[in-house]
Protein backbone atom coordinates (compact mmCIF):
# COMPACT_ATOMS: atom_id res chain seq x y z
CA UNK A 1 185.46 -43.16 -102.11
CA UNK A 2 188.43 -45.27 -101.01
CA UNK A 3 191.91 -45.56 -102.50
CA UNK A 4 191.82 -44.83 -106.25
CA UNK A 5 193.89 -47.96 -106.84
CA UNK A 6 190.83 -50.02 -105.94
CA UNK A 7 188.69 -48.19 -108.48
CA UNK A 8 191.18 -47.91 -111.35
CA UNK A 9 189.61 -50.77 -113.34
CA UNK A 10 186.00 -49.80 -112.58
CA UNK A 11 186.23 -46.13 -113.60
CA UNK A 12 186.67 -46.74 -117.37
CA UNK A 13 183.64 -49.07 -117.30
CA UNK A 14 181.24 -46.45 -115.93
CA UNK A 15 179.11 -44.29 -118.28
CA UNK A 16 181.41 -41.93 -120.18
CA UNK A 17 179.14 -38.92 -119.66
CA UNK A 18 178.77 -39.41 -115.90
CA UNK A 19 180.44 -36.61 -113.87
CA UNK A 20 182.86 -38.22 -111.39
CA UNK A 21 184.78 -36.89 -108.40
CA UNK A 22 187.44 -39.41 -107.42
CA UNK A 23 189.62 -38.49 -104.43
CA UNK A 24 193.37 -39.09 -104.74
CA UNK A 25 193.51 -39.43 -108.53
CA UNK A 26 196.31 -37.82 -110.53
CA UNK A 27 195.33 -34.21 -111.26
CA UNK A 28 196.76 -34.59 -114.78
CA UNK A 29 193.77 -36.77 -115.53
CA UNK A 30 191.38 -33.94 -114.71
CA UNK A 31 190.62 -35.21 -111.21
CA UNK A 32 191.26 -33.33 -108.00
CA UNK A 33 193.93 -34.98 -105.82
CA UNK A 34 192.95 -35.79 -102.24
CA UNK A 35 192.04 -39.28 -100.98
CA UNK A 36 190.73 -40.33 -97.59
CA UNK A 37 192.50 -37.78 -95.34
CA UNK A 38 195.54 -39.31 -93.68
CA UNK A 39 195.82 -42.30 -96.02
CA UNK A 40 198.50 -42.59 -98.70
CA UNK A 41 199.85 -39.19 -99.77
CA UNK A 42 196.90 -37.24 -98.37
CA UNK A 43 197.07 -35.49 -95.02
CA UNK A 44 194.87 -35.05 -91.98
CA UNK A 45 195.56 -31.85 -90.05
CA UNK A 46 194.17 -33.09 -86.74
CA UNK A 47 196.11 -35.13 -84.22
CA UNK A 48 195.58 -38.92 -84.23
CA UNK A 49 194.66 -38.48 -80.55
CA UNK A 50 191.55 -36.54 -81.65
CA UNK A 51 189.25 -39.51 -82.22
CA UNK A 52 186.26 -37.40 -83.24
CA UNK A 53 188.25 -35.86 -86.10
CA UNK A 54 188.84 -39.36 -87.50
CA UNK A 55 185.19 -40.41 -87.34
CA UNK A 56 183.55 -41.31 -90.65
CA UNK A 57 181.25 -38.28 -90.41
CA UNK A 58 184.17 -35.91 -89.93
CA UNK A 59 186.26 -37.40 -92.73
CA UNK A 60 183.24 -37.57 -95.05
CA UNK A 61 182.51 -33.91 -94.37
CA UNK A 62 186.12 -33.10 -95.32
CA UNK A 63 185.68 -34.93 -98.64
CA UNK A 64 182.39 -33.19 -99.46
CA UNK A 65 183.92 -29.86 -98.52
CA UNK A 66 186.75 -30.55 -100.97
CA UNK A 67 184.21 -31.36 -103.67
CA UNK A 68 182.30 -28.15 -102.88
CA UNK A 69 185.48 -26.10 -103.25
CA UNK A 70 186.26 -27.85 -106.53
CA UNK A 71 182.81 -27.05 -107.93
CA UNK A 72 182.61 -23.51 -106.61
CA UNK A 73 179.47 -21.88 -105.19
CA UNK A 74 176.03 -23.23 -106.15
CA UNK A 75 174.70 -21.82 -109.41
CA UNK A 76 171.71 -19.50 -109.93
CA UNK A 77 170.94 -19.02 -106.27
CA UNK A 78 170.64 -22.75 -105.54
CA UNK A 79 170.99 -23.58 -101.86
CA UNK A 80 172.74 -26.89 -102.49
CA UNK A 81 175.37 -28.31 -104.79
CA UNK A 82 174.35 -30.82 -107.52
CA UNK A 83 172.63 -34.06 -106.61
CA UNK A 84 175.30 -36.58 -105.67
CA UNK A 85 175.70 -40.37 -105.70
CA UNK A 86 178.25 -41.91 -103.35
CA UNK A 87 180.14 -45.14 -104.11
CA UNK A 88 182.57 -46.52 -101.54
CA UNK A 89 184.49 -49.70 -100.76
CA UNK A 90 185.60 -50.81 -97.30
CA UNK A 91 186.57 -47.71 -95.25
CA UNK A 92 185.20 -45.52 -98.02
CA UNK A 93 181.88 -47.38 -97.89
CA UNK A 94 181.64 -46.70 -94.16
CA UNK A 95 182.15 -43.01 -94.85
CA UNK A 96 179.45 -43.12 -97.54
CA UNK A 97 177.07 -44.94 -95.19
CA UNK A 98 177.54 -42.38 -92.42
CA UNK A 99 177.09 -39.43 -94.78
CA UNK A 100 173.91 -40.94 -96.22
CA UNK A 101 172.29 -41.93 -92.93
CA UNK A 102 172.99 -38.43 -91.61
CA UNK A 103 172.42 -36.59 -94.87
CA UNK A 104 170.91 -33.63 -93.02
CA UNK A 105 174.36 -32.98 -91.53
CA UNK A 106 175.76 -32.35 -95.05
CA UNK A 107 173.57 -29.45 -96.15
CA UNK A 108 175.73 -28.50 -99.14
CA UNK A 109 174.82 -31.62 -101.11
CA UNK A 110 171.71 -33.62 -101.90
CA UNK A 111 172.67 -37.30 -101.76
CA UNK A 112 170.40 -39.15 -104.14
CA UNK A 113 171.75 -42.71 -103.88
CA UNK A 114 174.62 -44.69 -102.35
CA UNK A 115 176.53 -47.85 -103.24
CA UNK A 116 178.24 -49.73 -100.40
CA UNK A 117 180.80 -52.33 -101.44
CA UNK A 118 181.72 -55.25 -99.17
CA UNK A 119 180.83 -53.97 -95.72
CA UNK A 120 178.33 -54.65 -92.98
CA UNK A 121 177.49 -51.88 -90.45
CA UNK A 122 180.27 -51.23 -87.94
CA UNK A 123 178.17 -52.32 -84.98
CA UNK A 124 177.24 -55.58 -86.76
CA UNK A 125 180.94 -56.24 -87.37
CA UNK A 126 181.77 -55.82 -83.69
CA UNK A 127 178.76 -57.86 -82.57
CA UNK A 128 179.98 -60.71 -84.78
CA UNK A 129 183.11 -61.01 -82.60
CA UNK A 130 181.01 -62.95 -80.11
CA UNK A 131 181.81 -65.79 -82.51
CA UNK A 132 185.45 -66.79 -81.80
CA UNK A 133 186.05 -67.61 -85.48
CA UNK A 134 185.03 -64.09 -86.50
CA UNK A 135 187.06 -62.47 -83.74
CA UNK A 136 190.17 -64.29 -84.95
CA UNK A 137 189.52 -63.64 -88.63
CA UNK A 138 189.04 -59.90 -88.06
CA UNK A 139 191.50 -59.47 -85.19
CA UNK A 140 192.83 -56.25 -86.73
CA UNK A 141 189.65 -54.36 -85.85
CA UNK A 142 190.16 -54.27 -82.06
CA UNK A 143 193.94 -54.60 -82.57
CA UNK A 144 194.26 -51.34 -84.54
CA UNK A 145 191.82 -49.61 -82.19
CA UNK A 146 194.18 -50.05 -79.22
CA UNK A 147 195.13 -46.88 -77.28
CA UNK A 148 197.19 -44.27 -79.11
CA UNK A 149 200.85 -45.16 -79.88
CA UNK A 150 200.63 -48.73 -78.58
CA UNK A 151 200.06 -50.05 -82.09
CA UNK A 152 201.67 -47.17 -83.96
CA UNK A 153 205.01 -47.88 -82.30
CA UNK A 154 204.64 -51.63 -82.85
CA UNK A 155 203.84 -51.20 -86.56
CA UNK A 156 206.68 -48.74 -87.05
CA UNK A 157 209.13 -51.13 -85.39
CA UNK A 158 208.44 -53.61 -88.19
CA UNK A 159 209.59 -51.16 -90.93
CA UNK A 160 212.56 -51.66 -93.23
CA UNK A 161 214.97 -48.85 -94.08
CA UNK A 162 214.43 -45.26 -92.93
CA UNK A 163 212.29 -44.30 -95.94
CA UNK A 164 209.89 -47.21 -95.55
CA UNK A 165 209.81 -46.67 -91.79
CA UNK A 166 208.78 -43.05 -92.26
CA UNK A 167 205.95 -44.09 -94.59
CA UNK A 168 204.74 -46.81 -92.26
CA UNK A 169 204.88 -44.40 -89.32
CA UNK A 170 202.72 -41.84 -91.14
CA UNK A 171 200.24 -44.42 -92.39
CA UNK A 172 199.99 -46.26 -89.08
CA UNK A 173 198.99 -43.10 -87.20
CA UNK A 174 195.93 -42.46 -89.34
CA UNK A 175 195.07 -46.13 -89.85
CA UNK A 176 194.99 -46.77 -86.11
CA UNK A 177 193.08 -43.52 -85.50
CA UNK A 178 190.56 -44.63 -88.14
CA UNK A 179 189.84 -47.97 -86.46
CA UNK A 180 189.89 -46.32 -83.01
CA UNK A 181 187.21 -43.87 -84.15
CA UNK A 182 185.20 -46.74 -85.63
CA UNK A 183 185.23 -48.60 -82.33
CA UNK A 184 184.56 -45.65 -80.02
CA UNK A 185 182.40 -43.41 -82.24
CA UNK A 186 181.17 -45.35 -85.29
CA UNK A 187 179.77 -48.37 -83.45
CA UNK A 188 177.83 -46.28 -80.85
CA UNK A 189 176.43 -44.16 -83.71
CA UNK A 190 175.23 -47.32 -85.44
CA UNK A 191 173.53 -48.45 -82.22
CA UNK A 192 171.82 -45.07 -81.83
CA UNK A 193 170.66 -45.12 -85.46
CA UNK A 194 169.19 -48.61 -85.03
CA UNK A 195 167.45 -47.67 -81.76
CA UNK A 196 165.90 -44.61 -83.40
CA UNK A 197 164.98 -46.43 -86.60
CA UNK A 198 167.18 -44.04 -88.59
CA UNK A 199 167.93 -45.59 -91.98
CA UNK A 200 169.23 -44.58 -95.39
CA UNK A 201 166.29 -43.10 -97.28
CA UNK A 202 167.70 -43.11 -100.82
CA UNK A 203 168.27 -45.95 -103.32
CA UNK A 204 171.12 -48.18 -102.14
CA UNK A 205 173.27 -50.73 -103.95
CA UNK A 206 175.09 -53.26 -101.74
CA UNK A 207 177.66 -55.57 -103.31
CA UNK A 208 179.58 -58.22 -101.42
CA UNK A 209 182.18 -60.87 -102.12
CA UNK A 210 180.57 -64.32 -102.09
CA UNK A 211 183.90 -65.68 -100.88
CA UNK A 212 184.36 -62.99 -98.19
CA UNK A 213 181.24 -61.46 -96.56
CA UNK A 214 179.01 -63.77 -98.56
CA UNK A 215 180.03 -66.74 -96.46
CA UNK A 216 178.22 -65.23 -93.46
CA UNK A 217 174.64 -66.28 -92.85
CA UNK A 218 172.07 -63.65 -91.94
CA UNK A 219 173.93 -60.67 -93.46
CA UNK A 220 172.16 -58.29 -95.80
CA UNK A 221 172.79 -59.57 -99.31
CA UNK A 222 171.84 -57.73 -102.46
CA UNK A 223 174.42 -58.59 -105.10
CA UNK A 224 177.18 -61.17 -104.88
CA UNK A 225 180.48 -61.04 -106.75
CA UNK A 226 181.51 -64.63 -107.49
CA UNK A 227 184.32 -66.22 -109.54
CA UNK A 228 186.22 -66.77 -106.28
CA UNK A 229 186.82 -63.01 -105.94
CA UNK A 230 187.72 -61.83 -102.45
CA UNK A 231 187.40 -58.54 -100.57
CA UNK A 232 189.15 -56.58 -103.35
CA UNK A 233 186.65 -57.63 -106.01
CA UNK A 234 186.81 -54.13 -107.53
CA UNK A 235 190.22 -55.12 -108.88
CA UNK A 236 189.57 -58.82 -109.39
CA UNK A 237 186.23 -58.61 -111.22
CA UNK A 238 185.71 -54.99 -112.36
CA UNK A 239 183.46 -55.97 -115.28
CA UNK A 240 181.02 -57.77 -112.97
CA UNK A 241 181.04 -54.86 -110.52
CA UNK A 242 180.50 -52.39 -113.37
CA UNK A 243 177.55 -54.43 -114.58
CA UNK A 244 175.88 -54.19 -111.17
CA UNK A 245 176.71 -50.50 -110.74
CA UNK A 246 175.61 -49.43 -114.23
CA UNK A 247 172.37 -51.44 -113.97
CA UNK A 248 171.70 -49.81 -110.61
CA UNK A 249 172.43 -46.33 -111.97
CA UNK A 250 170.09 -46.90 -114.89
CA UNK A 251 167.26 -48.31 -112.81
CA UNK A 252 167.52 -45.69 -110.05
CA UNK A 253 165.37 -43.17 -111.88
CA UNK A 254 167.58 -43.33 -114.97
CA UNK A 255 170.28 -41.95 -112.73
CA UNK A 256 173.13 -41.63 -115.19
CA UNK A 257 171.26 -39.38 -117.61
CA UNK A 258 169.44 -37.62 -114.79
CA UNK A 259 172.67 -36.58 -113.09
CA UNK A 260 174.29 -35.36 -116.29
CA UNK A 261 171.28 -33.23 -117.22
CA UNK A 262 170.94 -31.93 -113.67
CA UNK A 263 174.58 -30.86 -113.41
CA UNK A 264 174.51 -29.27 -116.85
CA UNK A 265 171.35 -27.35 -115.97
CA UNK A 266 173.27 -25.86 -113.06
CA UNK A 267 176.01 -24.71 -115.40
CA UNK A 268 178.62 -27.17 -114.18
CA UNK A 269 181.09 -28.69 -116.63
CA UNK A 270 183.40 -31.40 -115.40
CA UNK A 271 186.09 -33.00 -117.52
CA UNK A 272 186.02 -36.72 -118.24
CA UNK A 273 186.81 -38.68 -115.10
CA UNK A 274 185.80 -35.90 -112.70
């Protein structure tokens, strides 16, 4: 989950026989074209004023629904679609986190494990702004969450020619709605989850940039990506990321082989890269 550009170097390094569903990839490569709704060339039918529609749970449900339609109905009377592993970076990781914590709200799929790349929980991010240095370094979080059209108009005013302006206008609407939903819906959901002791109950892989999130003390740290790689370590150090991911897949109940056999047993055949 996330823009496919971020994953383009990692995908070839994953197990060749692992069924993949990668939003927003070129359909000529055997992958259904979608992406995080509203980002890039993808669309989001709802208005950017509808904050709930841009919440991570809502967008994640859209993505799983797209996957369900791609796969078709469950095979042999099964109630759910095949067991699924989610991998997301940045905004995509927040979607994966929300779907996994509230897995019971996605009854069509059984989420077996989740990999979260370079994020901390939304509420932790906002709480860190009590530190002036953090609030300056991540100013775009509250900045993009400003009331509707305040930022969209400002961002659009910075565009170049008419073509670029039209692209920036379209992207800014969803981008601002995304951060707005994170501030007004995502953070309160995190607080509620923490109060109720609701946690992810499946194997989790967390990777972080040692240069980026890794410089913070007290954050959850599982695997660090070094070599001076920053937030976009998927592109900067794909081999290191692949090593962590493949090791995690193998050790999580022999996940790679398990998934392949499970999907095949349900009569599902996906082309390479799907």
